Amino acid sequence: MRALRKFGVFAVTLTAVLGYKFYDKSTTAKEVKQEMLSVCATDSNCQNAVSTYFQKCFDSSYSMGSRRRASSLDTLKLSTCINNSSGVAYFGN
């Protein structure tokens, strides 16, 4: 019975930690996408490029971190990926 309780506590803790990491990634993605779209406010082609390529580029440039390292976003890699995918340099590097 004691082992089952320990396993339950472990499972709940693991779920909470993973849930927070994915929540943090989702929140960061929304904020960064809104910021990029606001930079492109006057250029509909730029907004299309961000809308089209953002998720793929964000996933490749975001690191969930580890137990000892916090999550991080390589913004240079993100902007370069969107520029390269769209074929136009919308964001300066």
N, C-alpha and C. Protein backbone atom coordinates (compact mmCIF):
# COMPACT_ATOMS: atom_id res chain seq x y z
N MET A 1 0.83 -1.19 0.00
CA MET A 1 0.00 0.00 0.00
C MET A 1 0.88 1.26 0.00
N ARG A 2 1.97 1.20 0.74
CA ARG A 2 2.85 2.35 0.84
C ARG A 2 3.52 2.65 -0.51
N ALA A 3 3.90 1.59 -1.22
CA ALA A 3 4.52 1.75 -2.54
C ALA A 3 3.52 2.37 -3.52
N LEU A 4 2.27 1.98 -3.43
CA LEU A 4 1.24 2.53 -4.30
C LEU A 4 1.05 4.02 -4.04
N ARG A 5 1.11 4.41 -2.80
CA ARG A 5 0.98 5.83 -2.45
C ARG A 5 2.16 6.62 -2.99
N LYS A 6 3.38 6.08 -2.86
CA LYS A 6 4.56 6.75 -3.40
C LYS A 6 4.46 6.89 -4.90
N PHE A 7 4.00 5.83 -5.56
CA PHE A 7 3.83 5.90 -7.01
C PHE A 7 2.80 6.96 -7.39
N GLY A 8 1.73 7.04 -6.64
CA GLY A 8 0.69 8.04 -6.90
C GLY A 8 1.23 9.46 -6.77
N VAL A 9 2.00 9.71 -5.74
CA VAL A 9 2.60 11.03 -5.53
C VAL A 9 3.56 11.34 -6.67
N PHE A 10 4.37 10.35 -7.06
CA PHE A 10 5.30 10.53 -8.17
C PHE A 10 4.55 10.85 -9.47
N ALA A 11 3.49 10.10 -9.75
CA ALA A 11 2.72 10.31 -10.98
C ALA A 11 2.08 11.70 -11.01
N VAL A 12 1.53 12.13 -9.91
CA VAL A 12 0.90 13.46 -9.83
C VAL A 12 1.96 14.55 -10.01
N THR A 13 3.11 14.39 -9.38
CA THR A 13 4.18 15.38 -9.49
C THR A 13 4.71 15.45 -10.92
N LEU A 14 4.93 14.30 -11.53
CA LEU A 14 5.41 14.27 -12.91
C LEU A 14 4.40 14.91 -13.86
N THR A 15 3.15 14.62 -13.68
CA THR A 15 2.10 15.21 -14.51
C THR A 15 2.07 16.73 -14.35
N ALA A 16 2.21 17.20 -13.13
CA ALA A 16 2.21 18.64 -12.88
C ALA A 16 3.40 19.33 -13.54
N VAL A 17 4.57 18.73 -13.42
CA VAL A 17 5.78 19.33 -14.01
C VAL A 17 5.67 19.36 -15.53
N LEU A 18 5.30 18.25 -16.14
CA LEU A 18 5.15 18.21 -17.60
C LEU A 18 4.04 19.14 -18.07
N GLY A 19 2.95 19.18 -17.34
CA GLY A 19 1.86 20.07 -17.69
C GLY A 19 2.30 21.52 -17.68
N TYR A 20 3.08 21.90 -16.68
CA TYR A 20 3.57 23.27 -16.60
C TYR A 20 4.51 23.58 -17.76
N LYS A 21 5.39 22.63 -18.10
CA LYS A 21 6.33 22.87 -19.20
C LYS A 21 5.59 23.09 -20.52
N PHE A 22 4.56 22.29 -20.79
CA PHE A 22 3.79 22.47 -22.02
C PHE A 22 2.94 23.73 -21.98
N TYR A 23 2.41 24.09 -20.81
CA TYR A 23 1.66 25.32 -20.67
C TYR A 23 2.57 26.52 -20.94
N ASP A 24 3.78 26.47 -20.40
CA ASP A 24 4.75 27.55 -20.60
C ASP A 24 5.11 27.68 -22.07
N LYS A 25 5.30 26.56 -22.76
CA LYS A 25 5.62 26.59 -24.19
C LYS A 25 4.48 27.21 -24.98
N SER A 26 3.27 26.81 -24.67
CA SER A 26 2.10 27.34 -25.37
C SER A 26 1.94 28.83 -25.15
N THR A 27 2.12 29.27 -23.92
CA THR A 27 2.01 30.68 -23.59
C THR A 27 3.09 31.50 -24.30
N THR A 28 4.30 30.99 -24.30
CA THR A 28 5.40 31.68 -24.98
C THR A 28 5.12 31.77 -26.48
N ALA A 29 4.63 30.69 -27.07
CA ALA A 29 4.34 30.69 -28.51
C ALA A 29 3.30 31.75 -28.85
N LYS A 30 2.25 31.83 -28.07
CA LYS A 30 1.19 32.83 -28.33
C LYS A 30 1.75 34.25 -28.23
N GLU A 31 2.53 34.51 -27.20
CA GLU A 31 3.08 35.86 -27.00
C GLU A 31 4.04 36.24 -28.12
N VAL A 32 4.92 35.32 -28.49
CA VAL A 32 5.91 35.62 -29.54
C VAL A 32 5.22 35.80 -30.88
N LYS A 33 4.23 34.96 -31.18
CA LYS A 33 3.52 35.09 -32.45
C LYS A 33 2.79 36.44 -32.53
N GLN A 34 2.15 36.85 -31.45
CA GLN A 34 1.47 38.15 -31.43
C GLN A 34 2.47 39.29 -31.63
N GLU A 35 3.63 39.18 -31.02
CA GLU A 35 4.66 40.21 -31.17
C GLU A 35 5.15 40.27 -32.62
N MET A 36 5.37 39.11 -33.22
CA MET A 36 5.83 39.09 -34.61
C MET A 36 4.76 39.63 -35.55
N LEU A 37 3.52 39.29 -35.29
CA LEU A 37 2.43 39.82 -36.12
C LEU A 37 2.29 41.33 -35.97
N SER A 38 2.55 41.85 -34.78
CA SER A 38 2.47 43.30 -34.59
C SER A 38 3.62 44.01 -35.31
N VAL A 39 4.78 43.36 -35.41
CA VAL A 39 5.89 43.92 -36.17
C VAL A 39 5.51 43.98 -37.65
N CYS A 40 4.73 43.01 -38.11
CA CYS A 40 4.30 42.92 -39.51
C CYS A 40 2.97 43.62 -39.77
N ALA A 41 2.55 44.48 -38.90
CA ALA A 41 1.20 45.05 -38.97
C ALA A 41 0.87 45.70 -40.31
N THR A 42 1.85 46.27 -40.96
CA THR A 42 1.57 46.98 -42.22
C THR A 42 1.88 46.14 -43.46
N ASP A 43 2.33 44.92 -43.31
CA ASP A 43 2.72 44.08 -44.44
C ASP A 43 1.96 42.76 -44.39
N SER A 44 0.96 42.61 -45.26
CA SER A 44 0.14 41.39 -45.24
C SER A 44 0.94 40.16 -45.65
N ASN A 45 1.94 40.31 -46.52
CA ASN A 45 2.78 39.17 -46.89
C ASN A 45 3.59 38.68 -45.70
N CYS A 46 4.07 39.60 -44.89
CA CYS A 46 4.81 39.25 -43.68
C CYS A 46 3.90 38.53 -42.70
N GLN A 47 2.68 39.02 -42.54
CA GLN A 47 1.72 38.37 -41.64
C GLN A 47 1.40 36.96 -42.12
N ASN A 48 1.27 36.80 -43.44
CA ASN A 48 1.03 35.47 -44.00
C ASN A 48 2.20 34.53 -43.72
N ALA A 49 3.42 35.04 -43.87
CA ALA A 49 4.61 34.23 -43.61
C ALA A 49 4.65 33.79 -42.15
N VAL A 50 4.37 34.69 -41.24
CA VAL A 50 4.36 34.34 -39.81
C VAL A 50 3.27 33.31 -39.54
N SER A 51 2.07 33.54 -40.06
CA SER A 51 0.97 32.60 -39.84
C SER A 51 1.27 31.22 -40.41
N THR A 52 1.92 31.18 -41.56
CA THR A 52 2.20 29.92 -42.24
C THR A 52 3.33 29.14 -41.60
N TYR A 53 4.43 29.80 -41.27
CA TYR A 53 5.65 29.10 -40.86
C TYR A 53 5.94 29.16 -39.37
N PHE A 54 5.16 29.90 -38.61
CA PHE A 54 5.50 30.12 -37.21
C PHE A 54 5.61 28.83 -36.41
N GLN A 55 4.61 27.97 -36.48
CA GLN A 55 4.59 26.79 -35.61
C GLN A 55 5.79 25.88 -35.88
N LYS A 56 6.07 25.61 -37.15
CA LYS A 56 7.22 24.76 -37.50
C LYS A 56 8.52 25.37 -37.00
N CYS A 57 8.68 26.68 -37.23
CA CYS A 57 9.92 27.36 -36.83
C CYS A 57 10.02 27.48 -35.32
N PHE A 58 8.90 27.75 -34.67
CA PHE A 58 8.91 27.85 -33.21
C PHE A 58 9.31 26.52 -32.58
N ASP A 59 8.73 25.44 -33.07
CA ASP A 59 9.05 24.13 -32.51
C ASP A 59 10.53 23.79 -32.66
N SER A 60 11.14 24.21 -33.77
CA SER A 60 12.54 23.90 -33.97
C SER A 60 13.48 24.82 -33.19
N SER A 61 12.99 25.96 -32.73
CA SER A 61 13.87 26.91 -32.03
C SER A 61 13.57 27.01 -30.53
N TYR A 62 12.60 26.25 -30.04
CA TYR A 62 12.24 26.28 -28.61
C TYR A 62 12.80 25.04 -27.92
N SER A 63 13.42 25.24 -26.78
CA SER A 63 13.94 24.14 -25.98
C SER A 63 13.14 24.06 -24.68
N MET A 64 12.62 22.88 -24.39
CA MET A 64 11.81 22.69 -23.17
C MET A 64 12.67 22.74 -21.91
N GLY A 65 13.97 22.64 -22.06
CA GLY A 65 14.84 22.65 -20.89
C GLY A 65 14.93 21.27 -20.27
N SER A 66 15.43 21.22 -19.07
CA SER A 66 15.57 19.95 -18.36
C SER A 66 15.31 20.20 -16.89
N ARG A 67 15.68 19.27 -16.08
CA ARG A 67 15.47 19.45 -14.65
C ARG A 67 16.24 20.64 -14.11
N ARG A 68 17.42 20.87 -14.64
CA ARG A 68 18.28 21.92 -14.12
C ARG A 68 18.33 23.17 -14.99
N ARG A 69 17.81 23.06 -16.20
CA ARG A 69 17.83 24.21 -17.12
C ARG A 69 16.41 24.65 -17.44
N ALA A 70 16.23 25.94 -17.49
CA ALA A 70 14.92 26.48 -17.83
C ALA A 70 14.69 26.37 -19.34
N SER A 71 13.45 26.50 -19.73
CA SER A 71 13.14 26.50 -21.16
C SER A 71 13.71 27.76 -21.79
N SER A 72 13.95 27.70 -23.11
CA SER A 72 14.52 28.86 -23.79
C SER A 72 14.07 28.89 -25.23
N LEU A 73 14.09 30.08 -25.79
CA LEU A 73 13.72 30.30 -27.18
C LEU A 73 14.88 30.99 -27.86
N ASP A 74 15.35 30.41 -28.96
CA ASP A 74 16.40 31.01 -29.76
C ASP A 74 15.72 31.90 -30.80
N THR A 75 15.59 33.18 -30.48
CA THR A 75 14.85 34.09 -31.35
C THR A 75 15.55 34.31 -32.69
N LEU A 76 16.86 34.26 -32.70
CA LEU A 76 17.59 34.39 -33.97
C LEU A 76 17.27 33.21 -34.88
N LYS A 77 17.25 32.03 -34.32
CA LYS A 77 16.92 30.83 -35.10
C LYS A 77 15.48 30.90 -35.60
N LEU A 78 14.57 31.40 -34.77
CA LEU A 78 13.16 31.54 -35.16
C LEU A 78 13.00 32.49 -36.32
N SER A 79 13.58 33.67 -36.22
CA SER A 79 13.42 34.67 -37.28
C SER A 79 14.12 34.22 -38.56
N THR A 80 15.27 33.58 -38.44
CA THR A 80 15.98 33.07 -39.61
C THR A 80 15.16 31.99 -40.30
N CYS A 81 14.55 31.12 -39.54
CA CYS A 81 13.72 30.05 -40.09
C CYS A 81 12.53 30.63 -40.87
N ILE A 82 11.86 31.62 -40.29
CA ILE A 82 10.72 32.24 -40.99
C ILE A 82 11.19 32.94 -42.25
N ASN A 83 12.30 33.67 -42.16
CA ASN A 83 12.85 34.33 -43.35
C ASN A 83 13.20 33.32 -44.44
N ASN A 84 13.90 32.26 -44.08
CA ASN A 84 14.31 31.25 -45.05
C ASN A 84 13.12 30.49 -45.64
N SER A 85 12.15 30.18 -44.81
CA SER A 85 10.97 29.44 -45.28
C SER A 85 10.13 30.28 -46.25
N SER A 86 10.05 31.57 -45.97
CA SER A 86 9.23 32.43 -46.83
C SER A 86 10.00 32.94 -48.05
N GLY A 87 11.32 32.92 -47.97
CA GLY A 87 12.13 33.39 -49.08
C GLY A 87 12.35 34.90 -49.08
N VAL A 88 11.87 35.58 -48.06
CA VAL A 88 12.01 37.02 -47.94
C VAL A 88 12.51 37.34 -46.53
N ALA A 89 13.41 38.30 -46.41
CA ALA A 89 13.96 38.66 -45.11
C ALA A 89 13.07 39.70 -44.44
N TYR A 90 12.03 39.24 -43.77
CA TYR A 90 11.11 40.15 -43.05
C TYR A 90 11.72 40.62 -41.73
N PHE A 91 12.50 39.76 -41.11
CA PHE A 91 13.06 40.06 -39.80
C PHE A 91 14.57 40.14 -39.92
N GLY A 92 15.15 41.24 -39.46
CA GLY A 92 16.60 41.44 -39.52
C GLY A 92 17.31 40.52 -38.57
N ASN A 93 18.45 40.05 -38.97
CA ASN A 93 19.22 39.13 -38.10
C ASN A 93 20.46 39.76 -37.68
